[in-house]
Amino acid sequence: MTIKVLKAIQKDYIPCKCISLYPSRLEFMLYSSIEKDEYPKLLVKRVWNDRLKTMEIEVVFLGDYHLEKPTHFKKPTSEWVSFGALILNPQQARQLGELLLKMANNVGKG
């Protein structure tokens, strides 16, 4: 499966504290954190999906990252139900909520 990148009609960036992806079938997790000077951020875009003929809001992960062996998890990976996390401080969470609301309210506009 390939990802088709849709051109942004409206976009903005939000810094975040941490982005981690930990797919259960892999032996490593992808980790991006301000604590490791990787400066993770979110790109929030309002796009037109021509195939579905609808406006969509995309949240894209950006920043440097590294791979880590997931050693601090208590459950075996075969029992995991989640595969990632986004960590925001309260200010970043408010900023993301306001931006998503703003973009959702602009859906009918070109």
N, C-alpha and C. Protein backbone atom coordinates (compact mmCIF):
# COMPACT_ATOMS: atom_id res chain seq x y z
N MET A 1 0.84 -1.17 0.00
CA MET A 1 0.00 0.00 0.00
C MET A 1 0.88 1.24 0.00
N THR A 2 0.56 2.20 -0.83
CA THR A 2 1.30 3.45 -0.85
C THR A 2 0.43 4.57 -0.33
N ILE A 3 1.07 5.57 0.22
CA ILE A 3 0.34 6.71 0.74
C ILE A 3 0.38 7.82 -0.30
N LYS A 4 -0.78 8.32 -0.66
CA LYS A 4 -0.85 9.43 -1.59
C LYS A 4 -0.85 10.72 -0.77
N VAL A 5 0.10 11.58 -1.05
CA VAL A 5 0.19 12.85 -0.32
C VAL A 5 -0.72 13.85 -1.02
N LEU A 6 -1.72 14.33 -0.29
CA LEU A 6 -2.67 15.30 -0.84
C LEU A 6 -2.21 16.70 -0.52
N LYS A 7 -2.37 17.60 -1.49
CA LYS A 7 -1.95 18.99 -1.33
C LYS A 7 -2.81 19.68 -0.27
N ALA A 8 -2.14 20.40 0.62
CA ALA A 8 -2.85 21.09 1.70
C ALA A 8 -3.57 22.32 1.18
N ILE A 9 -4.82 22.46 1.58
CA ILE A 9 -5.60 23.67 1.33
C ILE A 9 -5.33 24.65 2.47
N GLN A 10 -5.15 24.11 3.66
CA GLN A 10 -4.86 24.89 4.85
C GLN A 10 -3.95 24.02 5.70
N LYS A 11 -2.93 24.61 6.35
CA LYS A 11 -2.05 23.80 7.19
C LYS A 11 -1.43 24.65 8.29
N ASP A 12 -1.01 23.95 9.33
CA ASP A 12 -0.33 24.59 10.45
C ASP A 12 0.48 23.53 11.18
N TYR A 13 1.45 23.97 11.97
CA TYR A 13 2.32 23.06 12.71
C TYR A 13 2.12 23.23 14.21
N ILE A 14 2.22 22.13 14.94
CA ILE A 14 2.13 22.15 16.39
C ILE A 14 3.28 21.32 16.95
N PRO A 15 4.13 21.90 17.80
CA PRO A 15 5.16 21.08 18.44
C PRO A 15 4.50 20.12 19.41
N CYS A 16 5.12 18.99 19.65
CA CYS A 16 4.58 18.05 20.64
C CYS A 16 5.73 17.51 21.47
N LYS A 17 5.38 16.89 22.57
CA LYS A 17 6.39 16.38 23.51
C LYS A 17 7.02 15.09 23.00
N CYS A 18 6.19 14.19 22.47
CA CYS A 18 6.72 12.89 22.08
C CYS A 18 5.77 12.20 21.10
N ILE A 19 6.34 11.51 20.14
CA ILE A 19 5.60 10.62 19.24
C ILE A 19 6.30 9.27 19.33
N SER A 20 5.55 8.22 19.59
CA SER A 20 6.16 6.89 19.57
C SER A 20 5.24 5.91 18.85
N LEU A 21 5.83 5.08 18.05
CA LEU A 21 5.12 4.02 17.34
C LEU A 21 5.77 2.70 17.73
N TYR A 22 4.95 1.74 18.13
CA TYR A 22 5.50 0.48 18.60
C TYR A 22 4.66 -0.68 18.07
N PRO A 23 4.77 -0.94 16.77
CA PRO A 23 4.01 -2.06 16.20
C PRO A 23 4.43 -3.38 16.85
N SER A 24 3.45 -4.17 17.21
CA SER A 24 3.72 -5.40 17.96
C SER A 24 4.54 -6.43 17.20
N ARG A 25 4.53 -6.39 15.89
CA ARG A 25 5.27 -7.39 15.12
C ARG A 25 6.74 -7.01 14.90
N LEU A 26 7.11 -5.81 15.32
CA LEU A 26 8.50 -5.40 15.15
C LEU A 26 9.24 -5.48 16.48
N GLU A 27 10.53 -5.58 16.42
CA GLU A 27 11.32 -5.68 17.64
C GLU A 27 11.76 -4.32 18.16
N PHE A 28 11.49 -3.26 17.41
CA PHE A 28 11.90 -1.93 17.81
C PHE A 28 10.72 -0.97 17.75
N MET A 29 10.82 0.10 18.52
CA MET A 29 9.82 1.16 18.44
C MET A 29 10.47 2.40 17.86
N LEU A 30 9.70 3.14 17.11
CA LEU A 30 10.14 4.41 16.56
C LEU A 30 9.80 5.48 17.58
N TYR A 31 10.76 6.32 17.94
CA TYR A 31 10.59 7.24 19.05
C TYR A 31 11.15 8.60 18.67
N SER A 32 10.37 9.65 18.89
CA SER A 32 10.80 11.03 18.65
C SER A 32 10.41 11.85 19.87
N SER A 33 11.39 12.48 20.50
CA SER A 33 11.12 13.17 21.76
C SER A 33 11.91 14.47 21.87
N ILE A 34 11.27 15.48 22.50
CA ILE A 34 12.01 16.72 22.74
C ILE A 34 13.14 16.47 23.74
N GLU A 35 12.98 15.47 24.60
CA GLU A 35 14.02 15.15 25.58
C GLU A 35 15.30 14.65 24.91
N LYS A 36 15.18 14.17 23.67
CA LYS A 36 16.35 13.70 22.92
C LYS A 36 16.69 14.68 21.79
N ASP A 37 16.18 15.92 21.88
CA ASP A 37 16.44 16.98 20.88
C ASP A 37 16.05 16.56 19.46
N GLU A 38 14.93 15.83 19.34
CA GLU A 38 14.46 15.40 18.01
C GLU A 38 13.33 16.29 17.50
N TYR A 39 12.79 17.14 18.34
CA TYR A 39 11.79 18.15 17.99
C TYR A 39 10.61 17.61 17.19
N PRO A 40 9.88 16.67 17.76
CA PRO A 40 8.69 16.16 17.06
C PRO A 40 7.64 17.26 16.94
N LYS A 41 6.92 17.22 15.83
CA LYS A 41 5.81 18.16 15.66
C LYS A 41 4.76 17.53 14.78
N LEU A 42 3.59 18.13 14.81
CA LEU A 42 2.48 17.66 14.01
C LEU A 42 2.24 18.66 12.90
N LEU A 43 2.01 18.16 11.71
CA LEU A 43 1.55 18.97 10.59
C LEU A 43 0.07 18.63 10.45
N VAL A 44 -0.79 19.63 10.65
CA VAL A 44 -2.23 19.42 10.53
C VAL A 44 -2.67 20.08 9.23
N LYS A 45 -3.27 19.28 8.33
CA LYS A 45 -3.63 19.76 7.00
C LYS A 45 -5.11 19.52 6.71
N ARG A 46 -5.70 20.48 6.04
CA ARG A 46 -7.04 20.30 5.48
C ARG A 46 -6.82 20.03 4.00
N VAL A 47 -7.31 18.90 3.52
CA VAL A 47 -7.06 18.47 2.14
C VAL A 47 -8.35 18.04 1.47
N TRP A 48 -8.36 18.06 0.15
CA TRP A 48 -9.48 17.55 -0.63
C TRP A 48 -9.11 16.17 -1.14
N ASN A 49 -9.90 15.16 -0.79
CA ASN A 49 -9.71 13.81 -1.28
C ASN A 49 -10.57 13.67 -2.53
N ASP A 50 -9.92 13.76 -3.69
CA ASP A 50 -10.63 13.73 -4.96
C ASP A 50 -11.34 12.40 -5.22
N ARG A 51 -10.71 11.31 -4.80
CA ARG A 51 -11.29 9.98 -5.02
C ARG A 51 -12.60 9.83 -4.25
N LEU A 52 -12.63 10.31 -3.01
CA LEU A 52 -13.83 10.19 -2.19
C LEU A 52 -14.73 11.42 -2.29
N LYS A 53 -14.25 12.46 -2.98
CA LYS A 53 -15.02 13.71 -3.15
C LYS A 53 -15.42 14.30 -1.79
N THR A 54 -14.42 14.41 -0.91
CA THR A 54 -14.70 14.94 0.42
C THR A 54 -13.48 15.65 0.98
N MET A 55 -13.73 16.59 1.88
CA MET A 55 -12.66 17.27 2.58
C MET A 55 -12.23 16.39 3.75
N GLU A 56 -10.93 16.38 4.04
CA GLU A 56 -10.41 15.59 5.15
C GLU A 56 -9.39 16.43 5.93
N ILE A 57 -9.18 16.04 7.16
CA ILE A 57 -8.15 16.65 8.00
C ILE A 57 -7.10 15.57 8.24
N GLU A 58 -5.85 15.87 7.90
CA GLU A 58 -4.74 14.93 8.11
C GLU A 58 -3.87 15.44 9.25
N VAL A 59 -3.39 14.53 10.07
CA VAL A 59 -2.39 14.87 11.09
C VAL A 59 -1.16 14.02 10.76
N VAL A 60 -0.06 14.70 10.46
CA VAL A 60 1.16 14.04 9.99
C VAL A 60 2.26 14.23 11.03
N PHE A 61 3.04 13.19 11.30
CA PHE A 61 4.14 13.26 12.26
C PHE A 61 5.40 13.71 11.55
N LEU A 62 6.10 14.69 12.13
CA LEU A 62 7.36 15.20 11.58
C LEU A 62 8.41 15.24 12.68
N GLY A 63 9.67 15.31 12.30
CA GLY A 63 10.77 15.46 13.25
C GLY A 63 11.77 14.33 13.11
N ASP A 64 12.90 14.52 13.75
CA ASP A 64 13.89 13.45 13.80
C ASP A 64 13.37 12.35 14.71
N TYR A 65 13.94 11.16 14.59
CA TYR A 65 13.52 10.03 15.43
C TYR A 65 14.65 9.03 15.51
N HIS A 66 14.50 8.11 16.41
CA HIS A 66 15.45 7.01 16.53
C HIS A 66 14.67 5.73 16.83
N LEU A 67 15.35 4.60 16.74
CA LEU A 67 14.74 3.31 17.06
C LEU A 67 15.21 2.87 18.44
N GLU A 68 14.30 2.29 19.19
CA GLU A 68 14.63 1.78 20.52
C GLU A 68 14.07 0.38 20.68
N LYS A 69 14.76 -0.43 21.41
CA LYS A 69 14.24 -1.74 21.80
C LYS A 69 13.23 -1.49 22.92
N PRO A 70 11.99 -1.95 22.79
CA PRO A 70 11.00 -1.69 23.83
C PRO A 70 11.22 -2.56 25.07
N THR A 71 12.00 -2.04 26.00
CA THR A 71 12.37 -2.82 27.18
C THR A 71 11.50 -2.53 28.39
N HIS A 72 10.80 -1.40 28.41
CA HIS A 72 10.05 -1.03 29.62
C HIS A 72 8.59 -1.46 29.61
N PHE A 73 8.16 -2.18 28.59
CA PHE A 73 6.78 -2.64 28.56
C PHE A 73 6.62 -3.89 29.40
N LYS A 74 5.49 -4.02 30.07
CA LYS A 74 5.24 -5.14 30.97
C LYS A 74 4.63 -6.36 30.26
N LYS A 75 3.77 -6.10 29.25
CA LYS A 75 3.08 -7.19 28.54
C LYS A 75 3.91 -7.66 27.35
N PRO A 76 3.81 -8.92 27.00
CA PRO A 76 4.44 -9.39 25.76
C PRO A 76 3.81 -8.68 24.55
N THR A 77 4.59 -8.40 23.54
CA THR A 77 4.10 -7.64 22.38
C THR A 77 2.93 -8.34 21.70
N SER A 78 2.83 -9.64 21.81
CA SER A 78 1.71 -10.36 21.18
C SER A 78 0.37 -9.99 21.81
N GLU A 79 0.37 -9.40 23.00
CA GLU A 79 -0.87 -9.01 23.68
C GLU A 79 -1.21 -7.53 23.52
N TRP A 80 -0.39 -6.79 22.82
CA TRP A 80 -0.63 -5.35 22.66
C TRP A 80 -1.85 -5.09 21.80
N VAL A 81 -2.63 -4.09 22.15
CA VAL A 81 -3.75 -3.66 21.33
C VAL A 81 -3.45 -2.31 20.67
N SER A 82 -2.63 -1.51 21.30
CA SER A 82 -2.27 -0.21 20.73
C SER A 82 -0.96 -0.34 19.96
N PHE A 83 -0.68 0.63 19.10
CA PHE A 83 0.58 0.57 18.35
C PHE A 83 1.27 1.93 18.28
N GLY A 84 0.82 2.89 19.07
CA GLY A 84 1.49 4.17 19.06
C GLY A 84 0.90 5.12 20.08
N ALA A 85 1.63 6.22 20.31
CA ALA A 85 1.17 7.24 21.26
C ALA A 85 1.69 8.60 20.84
N LEU A 86 0.90 9.59 21.15
CA LEU A 86 1.26 10.98 20.93
C LEU A 86 1.14 11.65 22.28
N ILE A 87 2.20 12.28 22.75
CA ILE A 87 2.17 12.91 24.07
C ILE A 87 2.27 14.42 23.90
N LEU A 88 1.28 15.11 24.47
CA LEU A 88 1.21 16.57 24.39
C LEU A 88 1.14 17.14 25.79
N ASN A 89 1.75 18.31 26.02
CA ASN A 89 1.50 18.99 27.28
C ASN A 89 0.15 19.69 27.16
N PRO A 90 -0.43 20.20 28.24
CA PRO A 90 -1.77 20.79 28.16
C PRO A 90 -1.88 21.93 27.14
N GLN A 91 -0.87 22.76 27.04
CA GLN A 91 -0.90 23.86 26.06
C GLN A 91 -0.93 23.32 24.63
N GLN A 92 -0.12 22.32 24.34
CA GLN A 92 -0.10 21.72 23.00
C GLN A 92 -1.42 21.04 22.70
N ALA A 93 -2.03 20.40 23.69
CA ALA A 93 -3.32 19.74 23.50
C ALA A 93 -4.40 20.78 23.16
N ARG A 94 -4.40 21.91 23.88
CA ARG A 94 -5.36 22.98 23.57
C ARG A 94 -5.14 23.51 22.17
N GLN A 95 -3.87 23.72 21.81
CA GLN A 95 -3.53 24.23 20.48
C GLN A 95 -4.01 23.27 19.39
N LEU A 96 -3.80 21.98 19.59
CA LEU A 96 -4.26 20.98 18.62
C LEU A 96 -5.78 20.98 18.52
N GLY A 97 -6.46 21.01 19.66
CA GLY A 97 -7.93 21.04 19.66
C GLY A 97 -8.47 22.26 18.94
N GLU A 98 -7.90 23.42 19.22
CA GLU A 98 -8.35 24.66 18.55
C GLU A 98 -8.11 24.60 17.05
N LEU A 99 -6.94 24.08 16.66
CA LEU A 99 -6.62 23.99 15.23
C LEU A 99 -7.55 23.01 14.52
N LEU A 100 -7.80 21.86 15.12
CA LEU A 100 -8.71 20.88 14.51
C LEU A 100 -10.11 21.46 14.36
N LEU A 101 -10.57 22.17 15.38
CA LEU A 101 -11.89 22.81 15.32
C LEU A 101 -11.94 23.85 14.21
N LYS A 102 -10.90 24.67 14.14
CA LYS A 102 -10.82 25.71 13.10
C LYS A 102 -10.87 25.09 11.70
N MET A 103 -10.08 24.04 11.50
CA MET A 103 -10.06 23.39 10.18
C MET A 103 -11.37 22.70 9.89
N ALA A 104 -11.95 22.04 10.87
CA ALA A 104 -13.23 21.36 10.66
C ALA A 104 -14.32 22.37 10.32
N ASN A 105 -14.29 23.54 10.94
CA ASN A 105 -15.28 24.58 10.65
C ASN A 105 -15.09 25.20 9.27
N ASN A 106 -13.89 25.05 8.69
CA ASN A 106 -13.61 25.57 7.36
C ASN A 106 -13.82 24.54 6.25
N VAL A 107 -14.39 23.40 6.56
CA VAL A 107 -14.51 22.31 5.60
C VAL A 107 -15.25 22.73 4.33
N GLY A 108 -16.27 23.53 4.42
CA GLY A 108 -17.04 23.93 3.24
C GLY A 108 -16.37 24.99 2.40
N LYS A 109 -15.25 25.52 2.88
CA LYS A 109 -14.57 26.61 2.18
C LYS A 109 -13.42 26.06 1.35
N GLY A 110 -13.15 26.65 0.21
CA GLY A 110 -12.09 26.21 -0.69
C GLY A 110 -10.76 26.49 -0.27
